[in-house]
């Protein structure tokens, strides 16, 4: 998904990693290799995170 233009306010689907299932994530800031923001579904809902851009599966909604 690195060919997408990612912007703050987007909701994206983050792929499963370690023992964390796929979940929706709201982007707060975009960097060269990762995004920052908050998980909005799943066991990490409400938690801040910095997932790698490669973990983004699809865009759910744009601002």
PDB file of N, CA and C in Angstrom:
ATOM      1  N   UNK A   1       0.817  -1.195   0.000  1.00  0.00           N
ATOM      2  CA  UNK A   1       0.000   0.000   0.000  1.00  0.00           C
ATOM      3  C   UNK A   1       0.865   1.265   0.000  1.00  0.00           C
ATOM      4  N   UNK A   2       2.157   1.131  -0.162  1.00  0.00           N
ATOM      5  CA  UNK A   2       3.009   2.309  -0.087  1.00  0.00           C
ATOM      6  C   UNK A   2       2.803   3.264  -1.254  1.00  0.00           C
ATOM      7  N   UNK A   3       2.052   2.862  -2.285  1.00  0.00           N
ATOM      8  CA  UNK A   3       1.801   3.758  -3.408  1.00  0.00           C
ATOM      9  C   UNK A   3       0.661   4.731  -3.125  1.00  0.00           C
ATOM     10  N   UNK A   4      -0.008   4.563  -2.003  1.00  0.00           N
ATOM     11  CA  UNK A   4      -1.102   5.458  -1.625  1.00  0.00           C
ATOM     12  C   UNK A   4      -0.556   6.739  -1.012  1.00  0.00           C
ATOM     13  N   UNK A   5      -1.327   7.798  -1.154  1.00  0.00           N
ATOM     14  CA  UNK A   5      -1.010   9.039  -0.457  1.00  0.00           C
ATOM     15  C   UNK A   5      -1.761   8.994   0.866  1.00  0.00           C
ATOM     16  N   UNK A   6      -1.027   8.879   1.940  1.00  0.00           N
ATOM     17  CA  UNK A   6      -1.620   8.791   3.274  1.00  0.00           C
ATOM     18  C   UNK A   6      -1.630  10.173   3.909  1.00  0.00           C
ATOM     19  N   UNK A   7      -2.740  10.517   4.558  1.00  0.00           N
ATOM     20  CA  UNK A   7      -2.866  11.823   5.198  1.00  0.00           C
ATOM     21  C   UNK A   7      -3.489  11.664   6.587  1.00  0.00           C
ATOM     22  N   UNK A   8      -3.191  12.588   7.489  1.00  0.00           N
ATOM     23  CA  UNK A   8      -3.814  12.557   8.811  1.00  0.00           C
ATOM     24  C   UNK A   8      -5.340  12.574   8.680  1.00  0.00           C
ATOM     25  N   UNK A   9      -5.999  11.827   9.552  1.00  0.00           N
ATOM     26  CA  UNK A   9      -7.449  11.746   9.555  1.00  0.00           C
ATOM     27  C   UNK A   9      -7.983  10.530   8.834  1.00  0.00           C
ATOM     28  N   UNK A  10      -7.136   9.866   8.032  1.00  0.00           N
ATOM     29  CA  UNK A  10      -7.556   8.645   7.339  1.00  0.00           C
ATOM     30  C   UNK A  10      -7.724   7.510   8.337  1.00  0.00           C
ATOM     31  N   UNK A  11      -8.677   6.635   8.036  1.00  0.00           N
ATOM     32  CA  UNK A  11      -8.789   5.379   8.761  1.00  0.00           C
ATOM     33  C   UNK A  11      -8.302   4.293   7.823  1.00  0.00           C
ATOM     34  N   UNK A  12      -7.371   3.471   8.310  1.00  0.00           N
ATOM     35  CA  UNK A  12      -6.796   2.401   7.497  1.00  0.00           C
ATOM     36  C   UNK A  12      -6.932   1.075   8.228  1.00  0.00           C
ATOM     37  N   UNK A  13      -6.778  -0.003   7.473  1.00  0.00           N
ATOM     38  CA  UNK A  13      -6.769  -1.344   8.051  1.00  0.00           C
ATOM     39  C   UNK A  13      -5.322  -1.772   8.203  1.00  0.00           C
ATOM     40  N   UNK A  14      -4.944  -2.112   9.426  1.00  0.00           N
ATOM     41  CA  UNK A  14      -3.589  -2.577   9.727  1.00  0.00           C
ATOM     42  C   UNK A  14      -3.620  -4.109   9.748  1.00  0.00           C
ATOM     43  N   UNK A  15      -2.682  -4.744   9.061  1.00  0.00           N
ATOM     44  CA  UNK A  15      -2.646  -6.204   9.023  1.00  0.00           C
ATOM     45  C   UNK A  15      -2.260  -6.767  10.390  1.00  0.00           C
ATOM     46  N   UNK A  16      -2.578  -8.031  10.570  1.00  0.00           N
ATOM     47  CA  UNK A  16      -2.253  -8.714  11.821  1.00  0.00           C
ATOM     48  C   UNK A  16      -0.729  -8.786  11.974  1.00  0.00           C
ATOM     49  N   UNK A  17      -0.264  -8.671  13.207  1.00  0.00           N
ATOM     50  CA  UNK A  17       1.163  -8.821  13.502  1.00  0.00           C
ATOM     51  C   UNK A  17       1.288  -9.358  14.915  1.00  0.00           C
ATOM     52  N   UNK A  18       2.372 -10.083  15.165  1.00  0.00           N
ATOM     53  CA  UNK A  18       2.574 -10.749  16.452  1.00  0.00           C
ATOM     54  C   UNK A  18       1.280 -11.464  16.831  1.00  0.00           C
ATOM     55  N   UNK A  19       0.675 -11.118  17.941  1.00  0.00           N
ATOM     56  CA  UNK A  19      -0.583 -11.739  18.356  1.00  0.00           C
ATOM     57  C   UNK A  19      -1.751 -10.762  18.258  1.00  0.00           C
ATOM     58  N   UNK A  20      -1.578  -9.690  17.498  1.00  0.00           N
ATOM     59  CA  UNK A  20      -2.611  -8.664  17.344  1.00  0.00           C
ATOM     60  C   UNK A  20      -3.332  -8.889  16.004  1.00  0.00           C
ATOM     61  N   UNK A  21      -4.663  -9.032  16.030  1.00  0.00           N
ATOM     62  CA  UNK A  21      -5.392  -9.240  14.768  1.00  0.00           C
ATOM     63  C   UNK A  21      -5.499  -7.953  13.952  1.00  0.00           C
ATOM     64  N   UNK A  22      -5.971  -8.081  12.695  1.00  0.00           N
ATOM     65  CA  UNK A  22      -6.226  -6.903  11.875  1.00  0.00           C
ATOM     66  C   UNK A  22      -7.106  -5.934  12.644  1.00  0.00           C
ATOM     67  N   UNK A  23      -6.881  -4.636  12.440  1.00  0.00           N
ATOM     68  CA  UNK A  23      -7.694  -3.640  13.137  1.00  0.00           C
ATOM     69  C   UNK A  23      -7.682  -2.311  12.386  1.00  0.00           C
ATOM     70  N   UNK A  24      -8.686  -1.502  12.653  1.00  0.00           N
ATOM     71  CA  UNK A  24      -8.771  -0.163  12.060  1.00  0.00           C
ATOM     72  C   UNK A  24      -7.917   0.775  12.888  1.00  0.00           C
ATOM     73  N   UNK A  25      -7.308   1.739  12.195  1.00  0.00           N
ATOM     74  CA  UNK A  25      -6.360   2.646  12.817  1.00  0.00           C
ATOM     75  C   UNK A  25      -6.549   4.028  12.211  1.00  0.00           C
ATOM     76  N   UNK A  26      -6.664   5.057  13.056  1.00  0.00           N
ATOM     77  CA  UNK A  26      -6.791   6.430  12.559  1.00  0.00           C
ATOM     78  C   UNK A  26      -5.432   7.103  12.564  1.00  0.00           C
ATOM     79  N   UNK A  27      -5.019   7.584  11.402  1.00  0.00           N
ATOM     80  CA  UNK A  27      -3.700   8.196  11.238  1.00  0.00           C
ATOM     81  C   UNK A  27      -3.701   9.616  11.804  1.00  0.00           C
ATOM     82  N   UNK A  28      -2.695   9.888  12.626  1.00  0.00           N
ATOM     83  CA  UNK A  28      -2.497  11.221  13.195  1.00  0.00           C
ATOM     84  C   UNK A  28      -1.370  11.958  12.470  1.00  0.00           C
ATOM     85  N   UNK A  29      -0.310  11.238  12.102  1.00  0.00           N
ATOM     86  CA  UNK A  29       0.827  11.833  11.386  1.00  0.00           C
ATOM     87  C   UNK A  29       1.434  10.770  10.477  1.00  0.00           C
ATOM     88  N   UNK A  30       2.035  11.225   9.376  1.00  0.00           N
ATOM     89  CA  UNK A  30       2.646  10.326   8.395  1.00  0.00           C
ATOM     90  C   UNK A  30       4.136  10.642   8.291  1.00  0.00           C
ATOM     91  N   UNK A  31       4.965   9.599   8.371  1.00  0.00           N
ATOM     92  CA  UNK A  31       6.410   9.730   8.233  1.00  0.00           C
ATOM     93  C   UNK A  31       6.877   8.848   7.079  1.00  0.00           C
ATOM     94  N   UNK A  32       8.151   8.860   6.761  1.00  0.00           N
ATOM     95  CA  UNK A  32       8.668   8.079   5.634  1.00  0.00           C
ATOM     96  C   UNK A  32       8.412   6.581   5.775  1.00  0.00           C
ATOM     97  N   UNK A  33       8.549   6.051   6.976  1.00  0.00           N
ATOM     98  CA  UNK A  33       8.451   4.606   7.154  1.00  0.00           C
ATOM     99  C   UNK A  33       7.299   4.146   8.045  1.00  0.00           C
ATOM    100  N   UNK A  34       6.597   5.070   8.684  1.00  0.00           N
ATOM    101  CA  UNK A  34       5.511   4.680   9.584  1.00  0.00           C
ATOM    102  C   UNK A  34       4.454   5.773   9.670  1.00  0.00           C
ATOM    103  N   UNK A  35       3.359   5.418  10.300  1.00  0.00           N
ATOM    104  CA  UNK A  35       2.313   6.390  10.625  1.00  0.00           C
ATOM    105  C   UNK A  35       2.119   6.355  12.132  1.00  0.00           C
ATOM    106  N   UNK A  36       1.587   7.418  12.687  1.00  0.00           N
ATOM    107  CA  UNK A  36       1.251   7.419  14.104  1.00  0.00           C
ATOM    108  C   UNK A  36      -0.234   7.677  14.243  1.00  0.00           C
ATOM    109  N   UNK A  37      -0.785   7.274  15.372  1.00  0.00           N
ATOM    110  CA  UNK A  37      -2.195   7.502  15.621  1.00  0.00           C
ATOM    111  C   UNK A  37      -2.739   6.512  16.631  1.00  0.00           C
ATOM    112  N   UNK A  38      -4.038   6.217  16.499  1.00  0.00           N
ATOM    113  CA  UNK A  38      -4.718   5.396  17.489  1.00  0.00           C
ATOM    114  C   UNK A  38      -5.510   4.265  16.851  1.00  0.00           C
ATOM    115  N   UNK A  39      -5.421   3.089  17.468  1.00  0.00           N
ATOM    116  CA  UNK A  39      -6.241   1.957  17.051  1.00  0.00           C
ATOM    117  C   UNK A  39      -7.683   2.275  17.415  1.00  0.00           C
ATOM    118  N   UNK A  40      -8.608   1.989  16.513  1.00  0.00           N
ATOM    119  CA  UNK A  40     -10.011   2.278  16.826  1.00  0.00           C
ATOM    120  C   UNK A  40     -10.872   1.021  16.904  1.00  0.00           C
ATOM    121  N   UNK A  41     -10.312  -0.138  16.566  1.00  0.00           N
ATOM    122  CA  UNK A  41     -11.003  -1.410  16.773  1.00  0.00           C
ATOM    123  C   UNK A  41     -10.000  -2.426  17.309  1.00  0.00           C
ATOM    124  N   UNK A  42     -10.505  -3.574  17.706  1.00  0.00           N
ATOM    125  CA  UNK A  42      -9.641  -4.657  18.161  1.00  0.00           C
ATOM    126  C   UNK A  42      -9.186  -4.497  19.588  1.00  0.00           C
ATOM    127  N   UNK A  43      -8.291  -5.388  20.022  1.00  0.00           N
ATOM    128  CA  UNK A  43      -7.846  -5.383  21.417  1.00  0.00           C
ATOM    129  C   UNK A  43      -7.024  -4.159  21.802  1.00  0.00           C
ATOM    130  N   UNK A  44      -6.507  -3.448  20.815  1.00  0.00           N
ATOM    131  CA  UNK A  44      -5.712  -2.244  21.104  1.00  0.00           C
ATOM    132  C   UNK A  44      -6.531  -0.962  20.970  1.00  0.00           C
ATOM    133  N   UNK A  45      -7.832  -1.059  20.830  1.00  0.00           N
ATOM    134  CA  UNK A  45      -8.687   0.124  20.634  1.00  0.00           C
ATOM    135  C   UNK A  45      -8.367   1.191  21.674  1.00  0.00           C
ATOM    136  N   UNK A  46      -8.130   2.412  21.186  1.00  0.00           N
ATOM    137  CA  UNK A  46      -7.818   3.527  22.065  1.00  0.00           C
ATOM    138  C   UNK A  46      -6.341   3.689  22.365  1.00  0.00           C
ATOM    139  N   UNK A  47      -5.536   2.739  21.939  1.00  0.00           N
ATOM    140  CA  UNK A  47      -4.098   2.785  22.216  1.00  0.00           C
ATOM    141  C   UNK A  47      -3.352   3.506  21.098  1.00  0.00           C
ATOM    142  N   UNK A  48      -2.350   4.283  21.490  1.00  0.00           N
ATOM    143  CA  UNK A  48      -1.466   4.967  20.546  1.00  0.00           C
ATOM    144  C   UNK A  48      -0.525   3.954  19.919  1.00  0.00           C
ATOM    145  N   UNK A  49      -0.181   4.151  18.648  1.00  0.00           N
ATOM    146  CA  UNK A  49       0.762   3.245  18.004  1.00  0.00           C
ATOM    147  C   UNK A  49       1.509   3.913  16.874  1.00  0.00           C
ATOM    148  N   UNK A  50       2.552   3.239  16.409  1.00  0.00           N
ATOM    149  CA  UNK A  50       3.387   3.716  15.309  1.00  0.00           C
ATOM    150  C   UNK A  50       3.653   2.561  14.340  1.00  0.00           C
ATOM    151  N   UNK A  51       2.608   2.068  13.647  1.00  0.00           N
ATOM    152  CA  UNK A  51       2.828   0.930  12.740  1.00  0.00           C
ATOM    153  C   UNK A  51       3.597   1.321  11.483  1.00  0.00           C
ATOM    154  N   UNK A  52       4.388   0.378  10.981  1.00  0.00           N
ATOM    155  CA  UNK A  52       5.092   0.574   9.717  1.00  0.00           C
ATOM    156  C   UNK A  52       4.078   0.725   8.591  1.00  0.00           C
ATOM    157  N   UNK A  53       4.414   1.515   7.606  1.00  0.00           N
ATOM    158  CA  UNK A  53       3.529   1.732   6.457  1.00  0.00           C
ATOM    159  C   UNK A  53       3.241   0.408   5.754  1.00  0.00           C
ATOM    160  N   UNK A  54       4.194  -0.523   5.744  1.00  0.00           N
ATOM    161  CA  UNK A  54       3.999  -1.812   5.087  1.00  0.00           C
ATOM    162  C   UNK A  54       2.862  -2.625   5.708  1.00  0.00           C
ATOM    163  N   UNK A  55       2.443  -2.294   6.932  1.00  0.00           N
ATOM    164  CA  UNK A  55       1.358  -3.014   7.587  1.00  0.00           C
ATOM    165  C   UNK A  55      -0.024  -2.539   7.148  1.00  0.00           C
ATOM    166  N   UNK A  56      -0.094  -1.448   6.387  1.00  0.00           N
ATOM    167  CA  UNK A  56      -1.393  -0.933   5.949  1.00  0.00           C
ATOM    168  C   UNK A  56      -1.911  -1.804   4.801  1.00  0.00           C
ATOM    169  N   UNK A  57      -3.095  -2.391   5.004  1.00  0.00           N
ATOM    170  CA  UNK A  57      -3.712  -3.281   4.034  1.00  0.00           C
ATOM    171  C   UNK A  57      -4.591  -2.517   3.065  1.00  0.00           C
ATOM    172  N   UNK A  58      -5.390  -1.576   3.589  1.00  0.00           N
ATOM    173  CA  UNK A  58      -6.275  -0.778   2.745  1.00  0.00           C
ATOM    174  C   UNK A  58      -6.735   0.476   3.472  1.00  0.00           C
ATOM    175  N   UNK A  59      -7.220   1.427   2.693  1.00  0.00           N
ATOM    176  CA  UNK A  59      -7.791   2.644   3.262  1.00  0.00           C
ATOM    177  C   UNK A  59      -9.287   2.382   3.475  1.00  0.00           C
ATOM    178  N   UNK A  60      -9.775   2.623   4.695  1.00  0.00           N
ATOM    179  CA  UNK A  60     -11.181   2.430   5.027  1.00  0.00           C
ATOM    180  C   UNK A  60     -11.968   3.714   4.743  1.00  0.00           C
ATOM    181  N   UNK A  61     -11.429   4.840   5.162  1.00  0.00           N
ATOM    182  CA  UNK A  61     -12.066   6.124   4.873  1.00  0.00           C
ATOM    183  C   UNK A  61     -11.030   7.231   4.865  1.00  0.00           C
ATOM    184  N   UNK A  62     -11.337   8.279   4.109  1.00  0.00           N
ATOM    185  CA  UNK A  62     -10.444   9.434   4.026  1.00  0.00           C
ATOM    186  C   UNK A  62     -11.149  10.636   4.629  1.00  0.00           C
ATOM    187  N   UNK A  63     -10.377  11.595   5.151  1.00  0.00           N
ATOM    188  CA  UNK A  63     -10.998  12.777   5.761  1.00  0.00           C
ATOM    189  C   UNK A  63     -11.724  13.637   4.744  1.00  0.00           C
TER     190      UNK A  63
END
